[in-house]
C-alpha cells in the first residue's frame, strides 16, 4: 500500500510538474505572441504614418502645382487682355487715322474748289 501511495504521490507530483511546465510554456508563448503582435502593430503604425506623410507631401506638391498653373493662367490671361487692348487701340487708331485722312481729303477738295 505504501508503495502504491508513493507511486500515486510521484504520479501526482509529476502531473503537477508537467502542468506547471505547460503553464510556463504557454505563458512564454503568450508573451512572445504579444511581443510579435506589438511589433506588427508598430510596423503598421509606422507604415500608415509614412503613408500619411507621403500623401500630405503629394497634396502640398499638387497644391503648389495648382497655384503655379493658376498664376500662369492669370498671367496669360493678362497678356491676352493686353494684346486685345493693344489690338483694340490699334484698330481705334487706324479708324481715327482713316477718319482724319478722309477729313483732310474733303478739306483739300474744298480748298481746291475755292
PDB file of N, CA and C in Angstrom:
ATOM      1  N   UNK A   1       0.849  -1.194   0.000  1.00  0.00           N
ATOM      2  CA  UNK A   1       0.000   0.000   0.000  1.00  0.00           C
ATOM      3  C   UNK A   1       0.881   1.239   0.000  1.00  0.00           C
ATOM      4  N   UNK A   2       1.944   1.196   0.837  1.00  0.00           N
ATOM      5  CA  UNK A   2       2.817   2.356   0.895  1.00  0.00           C
ATOM      6  C   UNK A   2       3.487   2.585  -0.447  1.00  0.00           C
ATOM      7  N   UNK A   3       3.848   1.476  -1.086  1.00  0.00           N
ATOM      8  CA  UNK A   3       4.451   1.570  -2.406  1.00  0.00           C
ATOM      9  C   UNK A   3       3.481   2.216  -3.385  1.00  0.00           C
ATOM     10  N   UNK A   4       2.250   1.754  -3.310  1.00  0.00           N
ATOM     11  CA  UNK A   4       1.201   2.298  -4.190  1.00  0.00           C
ATOM     12  C   UNK A   4       0.975   3.777  -3.892  1.00  0.00           C
ATOM     13  N   UNK A   5       0.929   4.124  -2.618  1.00  0.00           N
ATOM     14  CA  UNK A   5       0.717   5.511  -2.201  1.00  0.00           C
ATOM     15  C   UNK A   5       1.886   6.381  -2.672  1.00  0.00           C
ATOM     16  N   UNK A   6       3.101   5.892  -2.563  1.00  0.00           N
ATOM     17  CA  UNK A   6       4.284   6.631  -3.024  1.00  0.00           C
ATOM     18  C   UNK A   6       4.228   6.816  -4.539  1.00  0.00           C
ATOM     19  N   UNK A   7       3.795   5.762  -5.213  1.00  0.00           N
ATOM     20  CA  UNK A   7       3.667   5.849  -6.676  1.00  0.00           C
ATOM     21  C   UNK A   7       2.623   6.892  -7.068  1.00  0.00           C
ATOM     22  N   UNK A   8       1.494   6.914  -6.342  1.00  0.00           N
ATOM     23  CA  UNK A   8       0.457   7.915  -6.607  1.00  0.00           C
ATOM     24  C   UNK A   8       0.974   9.327  -6.355  1.00  0.00           C
ATOM     25  N   UNK A   9       1.709   9.506  -5.269  1.00  0.00           N
ATOM     26  CA  UNK A   9       2.264  10.828  -4.954  1.00  0.00           C
ATOM     27  C   UNK A   9       3.253  11.254  -6.030  1.00  0.00           C
ATOM     28  N   UNK A  10       4.077  10.283  -6.465  1.00  0.00           N
ATOM     29  CA  UNK A  10       5.038  10.586  -7.525  1.00  0.00           C
ATOM     30  C   UNK A  10       4.300  10.968  -8.795  1.00  0.00           C
ATOM     31  N   UNK A  11       3.280  10.173  -9.143  1.00  0.00           N
ATOM     32  CA  UNK A  11       2.468  10.476 -10.338  1.00  0.00           C
ATOM     33  C   UNK A  11       1.835  11.856 -10.201  1.00  0.00           C
ATOM     34  N   UNK A  12       1.285  12.120  -9.024  1.00  0.00           N
ATOM     35  CA  UNK A  12       0.635  13.412  -8.770  1.00  0.00           C
ATOM     36  C   UNK A  12       1.650  14.530  -8.882  1.00  0.00           C
ATOM     37  N   UNK A  13       2.823  14.325  -8.317  1.00  0.00           N
ATOM     38  CA  UNK A  13       3.884  15.324  -8.376  1.00  0.00           C
ATOM     39  C   UNK A  13       4.351  15.522  -9.819  1.00  0.00           C
ATOM     40  N   UNK A  14       4.513  14.410 -10.538  1.00  0.00           N
ATOM     41  CA  UNK A  14       4.908  14.503 -11.960  1.00  0.00           C
ATOM     42  C   UNK A  14       3.857  15.245 -12.770  1.00  0.00           C
ATOM     43  N   UNK A  15       2.585  14.935 -12.519  1.00  0.00           N
ATOM     44  CA  UNK A  15       1.489  15.612 -13.228  1.00  0.00           C
ATOM     45  C   UNK A  15       1.488  17.094 -12.909  1.00  0.00           C
ATOM     46  N   UNK A  16       1.712  17.381 -11.632  1.00  0.00           N
ATOM     47  CA  UNK A  16       1.742  18.788 -11.209  1.00  0.00           C
ATOM     48  C   UNK A  16       2.920  19.504 -11.878  1.00  0.00           C
ATOM     49  N   UNK A  17       4.081  18.873 -11.890  1.00  0.00           N
ATOM     50  CA  UNK A  17       5.258  19.453 -12.542  1.00  0.00           C
ATOM     51  C   UNK A  17       5.003  19.648 -14.039  1.00  0.00           C
ATOM     52  N   UNK A  18       4.392  18.640 -14.641  1.00  0.00           N
ATOM     53  CA  UNK A  18       4.067  18.725 -16.068  1.00  0.00           C
ATOM     54  C   UNK A  18       3.119  19.891 -16.327  1.00  0.00           C
ATOM     55  N   UNK A  19       2.086  20.036 -15.485  1.00  0.00           N
ATOM     56  CA  UNK A  19       1.147  21.149 -15.643  1.00  0.00           C
ATOM     57  C   UNK A  19       1.849  22.492 -15.446  1.00  0.00           C
ATOM     58  N   UNK A  20       2.740  22.559 -14.465  1.00  0.00           N
ATOM     59  CA  UNK A  20       3.487  23.794 -14.231  1.00  0.00           C
ATOM     60  C   UNK A  20       4.342  24.144 -15.448  1.00  0.00           C
ATOM     61  N   UNK A  21       5.039  23.133 -15.986  1.00  0.00           N
ATOM     62  CA  UNK A  21       5.872  23.369 -17.180  1.00  0.00           C
ATOM     63  C   UNK A  21       5.012  23.797 -18.361  1.00  0.00           C
ATOM     64  N   UNK A  22       3.858  23.152 -18.510  1.00  0.00           N
ATOM     65  CA  UNK A  22       2.933  23.510 -19.609  1.00  0.00           C
ATOM     66  C   UNK A  22       2.450  24.946 -19.445  1.00  0.00           C
ATOM     67  N   UNK A  23       2.088  25.308 -18.220  1.00  0.00           N
ATOM     68  CA  UNK A  23       1.615  26.672 -17.953  1.00  0.00           C
ATOM     69  C   UNK A  23       2.722  27.675 -18.256  1.00  0.00           C
ATOM     70  N   UNK A  24       3.951  27.368 -17.807  1.00  0.00           N
ATOM     71  CA  UNK A  24       5.084  28.268 -18.071  1.00  0.00           C
ATOM     72  C   UNK A  24       5.344  28.386 -19.578  1.00  0.00           C
ATOM     73  N   UNK A  25       5.280  27.261 -20.274  1.00  0.00           N
ATOM     74  CA  UNK A  25       5.488  27.281 -21.728  1.00  0.00           C
ATOM     75  C   UNK A  25       4.399  28.114 -22.407  1.00  0.00           C
ATOM     76  N   UNK A  26       3.152  27.966 -21.951  1.00  0.00           N
ATOM     77  CA  UNK A  26       2.056  28.749 -22.517  1.00  0.00           C
ATOM     78  C   UNK A  26       2.238  30.242 -22.227  1.00  0.00           C
ATOM     79  N   UNK A  27       2.715  30.538 -21.004  1.00  0.00           N
ATOM     80  CA  UNK A  27       2.968  31.941 -20.659  1.00  0.00           C
ATOM     81  C   UNK A  27       4.049  32.528 -21.570  1.00  0.00           C
ATOM     82  N   UNK A  28       5.143  31.757 -21.760  1.00  0.00           N
ATOM     83  CA  UNK A  28       6.231  32.242 -22.634  1.00  0.00           C
ATOM     84  C   UNK A  28       5.735  32.443 -24.064  1.00  0.00           C
ATOM     85  N   UNK A  29       4.952  31.464 -24.551  1.00  0.00           N
ATOM     86  CA  UNK A  29       4.414  31.580 -25.912  1.00  0.00           C
ATOM     87  C   UNK A  29       3.487  32.785 -26.021  1.00  0.00           C
ATOM     88  N   UNK A  30       2.666  32.992 -24.985  1.00  0.00           N
ATOM     89  CA  UNK A  30       1.748  34.135 -24.974  1.00  0.00           C
ATOM     90  C   UNK A  30       2.529  35.451 -24.992  1.00  0.00           C
ATOM     91  N   UNK A  31       3.597  35.535 -24.176  1.00  0.00           N
ATOM     92  CA  UNK A  31       4.421  36.749 -24.149  1.00  0.00           C
ATOM     93  C   UNK A  31       5.086  36.982 -25.504  1.00  0.00           C
ATOM     94  N   UNK A  32       5.591  35.906 -26.122  1.00  0.00           N
ATOM     95  CA  UNK A  32       6.223  36.026 -27.439  1.00  0.00           C
ATOM     96  C   UNK A  32       5.203  36.510 -28.473  1.00  0.00           C
ATOM     97  N   UNK A  33       4.023  35.915 -28.465  1.00  0.00           N
ATOM     98  CA  UNK A  33       2.978  36.335 -29.401  1.00  0.00           C
ATOM     99  C   UNK A  33       2.568  37.786 -29.149  1.00  0.00           C
ATOM    100  N   UNK A  34       2.533  38.168 -27.876  1.00  0.00           N
ATOM    101  CA  UNK A  34       2.195  39.549 -27.533  1.00  0.00           C
ATOM    102  C   UNK A  34       3.268  40.501 -28.084  1.00  0.00           C
ATOM    103  N   UNK A  35       4.559  40.155 -27.895  1.00  0.00           N
ATOM    104  CA  UNK A  35       5.648  40.994 -28.425  1.00  0.00           C
ATOM    105  C   UNK A  35       5.583  41.065 -29.948  1.00  0.00           C
ATOM    106  N   UNK A  36       5.340  39.906 -30.571  1.00  0.00           N
ATOM    107  CA  UNK A  36       5.224  39.871 -32.036  1.00  0.00           C
ATOM    108  C   UNK A  36       4.071  40.745 -32.514  1.00  0.00           C
ATOM    109  N   UNK A  37       2.946  40.668 -31.817  1.00  0.00           N
ATOM    110  CA  UNK A  37       1.781  41.476 -32.192  1.00  0.00           C
ATOM    111  C   UNK A  37       2.085  42.962 -32.011  1.00  0.00           C
ATOM    112  N   UNK A  38       2.786  43.309 -30.914  1.00  0.00           N
ATOM    113  CA  UNK A  38       3.150  44.711 -30.690  1.00  0.00           C
ATOM    114  C   UNK A  38       4.094  45.209 -31.779  1.00  0.00           C
ATOM    115  N   UNK A  39       5.055  44.342 -32.189  1.00  0.00           N
ATOM    116  CA  UNK A  39       5.969  44.714 -33.279  1.00  0.00           C
ATOM    117  C   UNK A  39       5.186  44.937 -34.573  1.00  0.00           C
ATOM    118  N   UNK A  40       4.243  44.042 -34.838  1.00  0.00           N
ATOM    119  CA  UNK A  40       3.447  44.154 -36.062  1.00  0.00           C
ATOM    120  C   UNK A  40       2.593  45.419 -36.035  1.00  0.00           C
ATOM    121  N   UNK A  41       1.996  45.701 -34.880  1.00  0.00           N
ATOM    122  CA  UNK A  41       1.196  46.918 -34.740  1.00  0.00           C
ATOM    123  C   UNK A  41       2.080  48.140 -34.949  1.00  0.00           C
ATOM    124  N   UNK A  42       3.263  48.125 -34.352  1.00  0.00           N
ATOM    125  CA  UNK A  42       4.204  49.232 -34.501  1.00  0.00           C
ATOM    126  C   UNK A  42       4.585  49.406 -35.969  1.00  0.00           C
ATOM    127  N   UNK A  43       4.840  48.280 -36.636  1.00  0.00           N
ATOM    128  CA  UNK A  43       5.201  48.329 -38.064  1.00  0.00           C
ATOM    129  C   UNK A  43       4.080  48.960 -38.893  1.00  0.00           C
ATOM    130  N   UNK A  44       2.849  48.497 -38.668  1.00  0.00           N
ATOM    131  CA  UNK A  44       1.726  49.041 -39.423  1.00  0.00           C
ATOM    132  C   UNK A  44       1.469  50.503 -39.076  1.00  0.00           C
ATOM    133  N   UNK A  45       1.679  50.852 -37.815  1.00  0.00           N
ATOM    134  CA  UNK A  45       1.517  52.248 -37.400  1.00  0.00           C
ATOM    135  C   UNK A  45       2.539  53.124 -38.126  1.00  0.00           C
ATOM    136  N   UNK A  46       3.798  52.688 -38.155  1.00  0.00           N
ATOM    137  CA  UNK A  46       4.832  53.444 -38.854  1.00  0.00           C
ATOM    138  C   UNK A  46       4.523  53.537 -40.346  1.00  0.00           C
ATOM    139  N   UNK A  47       4.087  52.434 -40.918  1.00  0.00           N
ATOM    140  CA  UNK A  47       3.761  52.420 -42.346  1.00  0.00           C
ATOM    141  C   UNK A  47       2.609  53.367 -42.648  1.00  0.00           C
ATOM    142  N   UNK A  48       1.600  53.376 -41.785  1.00  0.00           N
ATOM    143  CA  UNK A  48       0.460  54.264 -42.026  1.00  0.00           C
ATOM    144  C   UNK A  48       0.858  55.717 -41.826  1.00  0.00           C
ATOM    145  N   UNK A  49       1.718  55.995 -40.823  1.00  0.00           N
ATOM    146  CA  UNK A  49       2.195  57.364 -40.626  1.00  0.00           C
ATOM    147  C   UNK A  49       3.018  57.825 -41.818  1.00  0.00           C
ATOM    148  N   UNK A  50       3.841  56.936 -42.353  1.00  0.00           N
ATOM    149  CA  UNK A  50       4.650  57.256 -43.538  1.00  0.00           C
ATOM    150  C   UNK A  50       3.737  57.515 -44.745  1.00  0.00           C
ATOM    151  N   UNK A  51       2.709  56.695 -44.889  1.00  0.00           N
ATOM    152  CA  UNK A  51       1.764  56.887 -45.993  1.00  0.00           C
ATOM    153  C   UNK A  51       1.042  58.226 -45.850  1.00  0.00           C
ATOM    154  N   UNK A  52       0.686  58.583 -44.621  1.00  0.00           N
ATOM    155  CA  UNK A  52       0.014  59.870 -44.386  1.00  0.00           C
ATOM    156  C   UNK A  52       0.954  61.015 -44.720  1.00  0.00           C
ATOM    157  N   UNK A  53       2.226  60.921 -44.254  1.00  0.00           N
ATOM    158  CA  UNK A  53       3.201  61.980 -44.569  1.00  0.00           C
ATOM    159  C   UNK A  53       3.400  62.099 -46.077  1.00  0.00           C
ATOM    160  N   UNK A  54       3.503  60.967 -46.733  1.00  0.00           N
ATOM    161  CA  UNK A  54       3.697  60.957 -48.181  1.00  0.00           C
ATOM    162  C   UNK A  54       2.496  61.583 -48.890  1.00  0.00           C
ATOM    163  N   UNK A  55       1.295  61.220 -48.444  1.00  0.00           N
ATOM    164  CA  UNK A  55       0.082  61.786 -49.056  1.00  0.00           C
ATOM    165  C   UNK A  55       0.011  63.288 -48.821  1.00  0.00           C
ATOM    166  N   UNK A  56       0.349  63.720 -47.603  1.00  0.00           N
ATOM    167  CA  UNK A  56       0.340  65.157 -47.318  1.00  0.00           C
ATOM    168  C   UNK A  56       1.353  65.876 -48.192  1.00  0.00           C
ATOM    169  N   UNK A  57       2.505  65.266 -48.377  1.00  0.00           N
ATOM    170  CA  UNK A  57       3.543  65.857 -49.229  1.00  0.00           C
ATOM    171  C   UNK A  57       3.058  65.957 -50.676  1.00  0.00           C
ATOM    172  N   UNK A  58       2.407  64.889 -51.163  1.00  0.00           N
ATOM    173  CA  UNK A  58       1.881  64.922 -52.540  1.00  0.00           C
ATOM    174  C   UNK A  58       0.806  65.986 -52.676  1.00  0.00           C
ATOM    175  N   UNK A  59      -0.056  66.109 -51.664  1.00  0.00           N
ATOM    176  CA  UNK A  59      -1.115  67.122 -51.709  1.00  0.00           C
ATOM    177  C   UNK A  59      -0.497  68.514 -51.734  1.00  0.00           C
ATOM    178  N   UNK A  60       0.515  68.726 -50.898  1.00  0.00           N
ATOM    179  CA  UNK A  60       1.184  70.031 -50.869  1.00  0.00           C
ATOM    180  C   UNK A  60       1.847  70.316 -52.212  1.00  0.00           C
ATOM    181  N   UNK A  61       2.473  69.308 -52.777  1.00  0.00           N
ATOM    182  CA  UNK A  61       3.121  69.462 -54.087  1.00  0.00           C
ATOM    183  C   UNK A  61       2.086  69.786 -55.168  1.00  0.00           C
ATOM    184  N   UNK A  62       0.974  69.046 -55.139  1.00  0.00           N
ATOM    185  CA  UNK A  62      -0.084  69.311 -56.116  1.00  0.00           C
ATOM    186  C   UNK A  62      -0.675  70.700 -55.915  1.00  0.00           C
ATOM    187  N   UNK A  63      -0.797  71.116 -54.656  1.00  0.00           N
ATOM    188  CA  UNK A  63      -1.319  72.450 -54.370  1.00  0.00           C
ATOM    189  C   UNK A  63      -0.390  73.510 -54.968  1.00  0.00           C
ATOM    190  N   UNK A  64       0.927  73.302 -54.813  1.00  0.00           N
ATOM    191  CA  UNK A  64       1.896  74.239 -55.394  1.00  0.00           C
ATOM    192  C   UNK A  64       1.773  74.260 -56.914  1.00  0.00           C
ATOM    193  N   UNK A  65       1.617  73.070 -57.513  1.00  0.00           N
ATOM    194  CA  UNK A  65       1.464  72.995 -58.968  1.00  0.00           C
ATOM    195  C   UNK A  65       0.205  73.730 -59.420  1.00  0.00           C
ATOM    196  N   UNK A  66      -0.878  73.552 -58.663  1.00  0.00           N
ATOM    197  CA  UNK A  66      -2.133  74.226 -58.998  1.00  0.00           C
ATOM    198  C   UNK A  66      -1.961  75.739 -58.892  1.00  0.00           C
ATOM    199  N   UNK A  67      -1.298  76.189 -57.826  1.00  0.00           N
ATOM    200  CA  UNK A  67      -1.072  77.630 -57.648  1.00  0.00           C
ATOM    201  C   UNK A  67      -0.208  78.174 -58.777  1.00  0.00           C
ATOM    202  N   UNK A  68       0.832  77.430 -59.161  1.00  0.00           N
ATOM    203  CA  UNK A  68       1.697  77.863 -60.265  1.00  0.00           C
ATOM    204  C   UNK A  68       0.905  77.908 -61.578  1.00  0.00           C
ATOM    205  N   UNK A  69       0.087  76.884 -61.814  1.00  0.00           N
ATOM    206  CA  UNK A  69      -0.733  76.868 -63.030  1.00  0.00           C
ATOM    207  C   UNK A  69      -1.730  78.024 -63.020  1.00  0.00           C
ATOM    208  N   UNK A  70      -2.283  78.292 -61.855  1.00  0.00           N
ATOM    209  CA  UNK A  70      -3.226  79.415 -61.726  1.00  0.00           C
ATOM    210  C   UNK A  70      -2.520  80.729 -62.038  1.00  0.00           C
ATOM    211  N   UNK A  71      -1.306  80.901 -61.507  1.00  0.00           N
ATOM    212  CA  UNK A  71      -0.541  82.126 -61.766  1.00  0.00           C
ATOM    213  C   UNK A  71      -0.216  82.251 -63.253  1.00  0.00           C
ATOM    214  N   UNK A  72       0.197  81.128 -63.877  1.00  0.00           N
ATOM    215  CA  UNK A  72       0.479  81.161 -65.327  1.00  0.00           C
ATOM    216  C   UNK A  72      -0.778  81.502 -66.118  1.00  0.00           C
ATOM    217  N   UNK A  73      -1.898  80.909 -65.719  1.00  0.00           N
ATOM    218  CA  UNK A  73      -3.158  81.187 -66.400  1.00  0.00           C
ATOM    219  C   UNK A  73      -3.506  82.669 -66.304  1.00  0.00           C
ATOM    220  N   UNK A  74      -3.395  83.231 -65.094  1.00  0.00           N
ATOM    221  CA  UNK A  74      -3.726  84.649 -64.909  1.00  0.00           C
ATOM    222  C   UNK A  74      -2.761  85.535 -65.689  1.00  0.00           C
ATOM    223  N   UNK A  75      -1.489  85.139 -65.726  1.00  0.00           N
ATOM    224  CA  UNK A  75      -0.502  85.902 -66.497  1.00  0.00           C
ATOM    225  C   UNK A  75      -0.828  85.849 -67.988  1.00  0.00           C
ATOM    226  N   UNK A  76      -1.156  84.654 -68.472  1.00  0.00           N
ATOM    227  CA  UNK A  76      -1.528  84.519 -69.890  1.00  0.00           C
ATOM    228  C   UNK A  76      -2.806  85.290 -70.198  1.00  0.00           C
ATOM    229  N   UNK A  77      -3.741  85.239 -69.267  1.00  0.00           N
ATOM    230  CA  UNK A  77      -4.991  85.967 -69.445  1.00  0.00           C
ATOM    231  C   UNK A  77      -4.721  87.464 -69.538  1.00  0.00           C
ATOM    232  N   UNK A  78      -3.813  87.960 -68.686  1.00  0.00           N
ATOM    233  CA  UNK A  78      -3.460  89.376 -68.708  1.00  0.00           C
ATOM    234  C   UNK A  78      -2.784  89.724 -70.038  1.00  0.00           C
ATOM    235  N   UNK A  79      -1.885  88.841 -70.507  1.00  0.00           N
ATOM    236  CA  UNK A  79      -1.215  89.079 -71.794  1.00  0.00           C
ATOM    237  C   UNK A  79      -2.247  89.156 -72.923  1.00  0.00           C
ATOM    238  N   UNK A  80      -3.200  88.222 -72.905  1.00  0.00           N
ATOM    239  CA  UNK A  80      -4.248  88.224 -73.940  1.00  0.00           C
ATOM    240  C   UNK A  80      -5.066  89.505 -73.860  1.00  0.00           C
ATOM    241  N   UNK A  81      -5.400  89.887 -72.614  1.00  0.00           N
ATOM    242  CA  UNK A  81      -6.175  91.119 -72.426  1.00  0.00           C
ATOM    243  C   UNK A  81      -5.378  92.318 -72.940  1.00  0.00           C
ATOM    244  N   UNK A  82      -4.084  92.357 -72.580  1.00  0.00           N
ATOM    245  CA  UNK A  82      -3.235  93.460 -73.053  1.00  0.00           C
ATOM    246  C   UNK A  82      -3.139  93.465 -74.571  1.00  0.00           C
ATOM    247  N   UNK A  83      -3.009  92.260 -75.156  1.00  0.00           N
ATOM    248  CA  UNK A  83      -2.952  92.171 -76.622  1.00  0.00           C
ATOM    249  C   UNK A  83      -4.263  92.632 -77.237  1.00  0.00           C
ATOM    250  N   UNK A  84      -5.360  92.202 -76.612  1.00  0.00           N
ATOM    251  CA  UNK A  84      -6.669  92.626 -77.120  1.00  0.00           C
ATOM    252  C   UNK A  84      -6.837  94.132 -76.963  1.00  0.00           C
ATOM    253  N   UNK A  85      -6.404  94.659 -75.806  1.00  0.00           N
ATOM    254  CA  UNK A  85      -6.475  96.103 -75.605  1.00  0.00           C
ATOM    255  C   UNK A  85      -5.618  96.816 -76.636  1.00  0.00           C
ATOM    256  N   UNK A  86      -4.391  96.293 -76.862  1.00  0.00           N
ATOM    257  CA  UNK A  86      -3.493  96.905 -77.841  1.00  0.00           C
ATOM    258  C   UNK A  86      -4.096  96.807 -79.238  1.00  0.00           C
ATOM    259  N   UNK A  87      -4.675  95.638 -79.549  1.00  0.00           N
ATOM    260  CA  UNK A  87      -5.299  95.468 -80.877  1.00  0.00           C
ATOM    261  C   UNK A  87      -6.485  96.414 -81.002  1.00  0.00           C
ATOM    262  N   UNK A  88      -7.229  96.544 -79.904  1.00  0.00           N
ATOM    263  CA  UNK A  88      -8.374  97.468 -79.925  1.00  0.00           C
ATOM    264  C   UNK A  88      -7.911  98.902 -80.099  1.00  0.00           C
ATOM    265  N   UNK A  89      -6.851  99.269 -79.396  1.00  0.00           N
ATOM    266  CA  UNK A  89      -6.298 100.621 -79.545  1.00  0.00           C
ATOM    267  C   UNK A  89      -5.800 100.840 -80.960  1.00  0.00           C
ATOM    268  N   UNK A  90      -5.118  99.832 -81.483  1.00  0.00           N
ATOM    269  CA  UNK A  90      -4.603  99.938 -82.860  1.00  0.00           C
ATOM    270  C   UNK A  90      -5.761 100.083 -83.845  1.00  0.00           C
ATOM    271  N   UNK A  91      -6.817  99.306 -83.636  1.00  0.00           N
ATOM    272  CA  UNK A  91      -7.981  99.405 -84.518  1.00  0.00           C
ATOM    273  C   UNK A  91      -8.615 100.786 -84.401  1.00  0.00           C
ATOM    274  N   UNK A  92      -8.714 101.301 -83.170  1.00  0.00           N
ATOM    275  CA  UNK A  92      -9.266 102.654 -82.984  1.00  0.00           C
ATOM    276  C   UNK A  92      -8.367 103.688 -83.654  1.00  0.00           C
ATOM    277  N   UNK A  93      -7.068 103.517 -83.495  1.00  0.00           N
ATOM    278  CA  UNK A  93      -6.106 104.442 -84.095  1.00  0.00           C
ATOM    279  C   UNK A  93      -6.242 104.444 -85.612  1.00  0.00           C
ATOM    280  N   UNK A  94      -6.324 103.229 -86.192  1.00  0.00           N
ATOM    281  CA  UNK A  94      -6.479 103.118 -87.647  1.00  0.00           C
ATOM    282  C   UNK A  94      -7.780 103.763 -88.110  1.00  0.00           C
ATOM    283  N   UNK A  95      -8.848 103.498 -87.374  1.00  0.00           N
ATOM    284  CA  UNK A  95     -10.146 104.088 -87.743  1.00  0.00           C
ATOM    285  C   UNK A  95     -10.064 105.610 -87.642  1.00  0.00           C
ATOM    286  N   UNK A  96      -9.431 106.104 -86.587  1.00  0.00           N
ATOM    287  CA  UNK A  96      -9.285 107.549 -86.401  1.00  0.00           C
ATOM    288  C   UNK A  96      -8.429 108.149 -87.520  1.00  0.00           C
ATOM    289  N   UNK A  97      -7.340 107.459 -87.869  1.00  0.00           N
ATOM    290  CA  UNK A  97      -6.464 107.949 -88.945  1.00  0.00           C
ATOM    291  C   UNK A  97      -7.226 107.983 -90.269  1.00  0.00           C
ATOM    292  N   UNK A  98      -8.042 106.966 -90.530  1.00  0.00           N
ATOM    293  CA  UNK A  98      -8.832 106.959 -91.768  1.00  0.00           C
ATOM    294  C   UNK A  98      -9.807 108.127 -91.763  1.00  0.00           C
ATOM    295  N   UNK A  99     -10.390 108.357 -90.606  1.00  0.00           N
ATOM    296  CA  UNK A  99     -11.338 109.472 -90.484  1.00  0.00           C
ATOM    297  C   UNK A  99     -10.614 110.802 -90.719  1.00  0.00           C
ATOM    298  N   UNK A 100      -9.416 110.912 -90.111  1.00  0.00           N
ATOM    299  CA  UNK A 100      -8.625 112.140 -90.296  1.00  0.00           C
ATOM    300  C   UNK A 100      -8.240 112.300 -91.760  1.00  0.00           C
ATOM    301  N   UNK A 101      -7.790 111.198 -92.373  1.00  0.00           N
ATOM    302  CA  UNK A 101      -7.412 111.255 -93.798  1.00  0.00           C
ATOM    303  C   UNK A 101      -8.612 111.676 -94.646  1.00  0.00           C
ATOM    304  N   UNK A 102      -9.764 111.125 -94.350  1.00  0.00           N
ATOM    305  CA  UNK A 102     -10.977 111.486 -95.091  1.00  0.00           C
ATOM    306  C   UNK A 102     -11.295 112.969 -94.914  1.00  0.00           C
ATOM    307  N   UNK A 103     -11.185 113.453 -93.679  1.00  0.00           N
ATOM    308  CA  UNK A 103     -11.426 114.876 -93.428  1.00  0.00           C
ATOM    309  C   UNK A 103     -10.408 115.743 -94.161  1.00  0.00           C
ATOM    310  N   UNK A 104      -9.139 115.310 -94.181  1.00  0.00           N
ATOM    311  CA  UNK A 104      -8.099 116.059 -94.898  1.00  0.00           C
ATOM    312  C   UNK A 104      -8.414 116.071 -96.389  1.00  0.00           C
ATOM    313  N   UNK A 105      -8.848 114.972 -96.949  1.00  0.00           N
ATOM    314  CA  UNK A 105      -9.208 114.928 -98.384  1.00  0.00           C
ATOM    315  C   UNK A 105     -10.369 115.871 -98.670  1.00  0.00           C
ATOM    316  N   UNK A 106     -11.382 115.796 -97.810  1.00  0.00           N
ATOM    317  CA  UNK A 106     -12.532 116.690 -98.002  1.00  0.00           C
ATOM    318  C   UNK A 106     -12.098 118.150 -97.896  1.00  0.00           C
ATOM    319  N   UNK A 107     -11.247 118.363 -96.882  1.00  0.00           N
ATOM    320  CA  UNK A 107     -10.770 119.728 -96.682  1.00  0.00           C
ATOM    321  C   UNK A 107      -9.948 120.177 -97.893  1.00  0.00           C
ATOM    322  N   UNK A 108      -9.102 119.325 -98.430  1.00  0.00           N
ATOM    323  CA  UNK A 108      -8.291 119.662 -99.602  1.00  0.00           C
ATOM    324  C   UNK A 108      -9.189 119.885-100.825  1.00  0.00           C
ATOM    325  N   UNK A 109     -10.226 119.080-100.962  1.00  0.00           N
ATOM    326  CA  UNK A 109     -11.146 119.264-102.088  1.00  0.00           C
ATOM    327  C   UNK A 109     -11.822 120.620-101.998  1.00  0.00           C
ATOM    328  N   UNK A 110     -12.292 120.910-100.801  1.00  0.00           N
ATOM    329  CA  UNK A 110     -12.977 122.200-100.624  1.00  0.00           C
ATOM    330  C   UNK A 110     -12.007 123.348-100.870  1.00  0.00           C
ATOM    331  N   UNK A 111     -10.766 123.167-100.417  1.00  0.00           N
ATOM    332  CA  UNK A 111      -9.778 124.205-100.601  1.00  0.00           C
ATOM    333  C   UNK A 111      -9.496 124.392-102.092  1.00  0.00           C
ATOM    334  N   UNK A 112      -9.418 123.279-102.836  1.00  0.00           N
ATOM    335  CA  UNK A 112      -9.166 123.358-104.278  1.00  0.00           C
ATOM    336  C   UNK A 112     -10.365 123.981-104.986  1.00  0.00           C
ATOM    337  N   UNK A 113     -11.518 123.635-104.482  1.00  0.00           N
ATOM    338  CA  UNK A 113     -12.722 124.184-105.110  1.00  0.00           C
ATOM    339  C   UNK A 113     -12.799 125.678-104.895  1.00  0.00           C
ATOM    340  N   UNK A 114     -12.218 126.135-103.874  1.00  0.00           N
ATOM    341  CA  UNK A 114     -12.291 127.569-103.587  1.00  0.00           C
ATOM    342  C   UNK A 114     -11.349 128.268-104.424  1.00  0.00           C
TER     343      UNK A 114
END
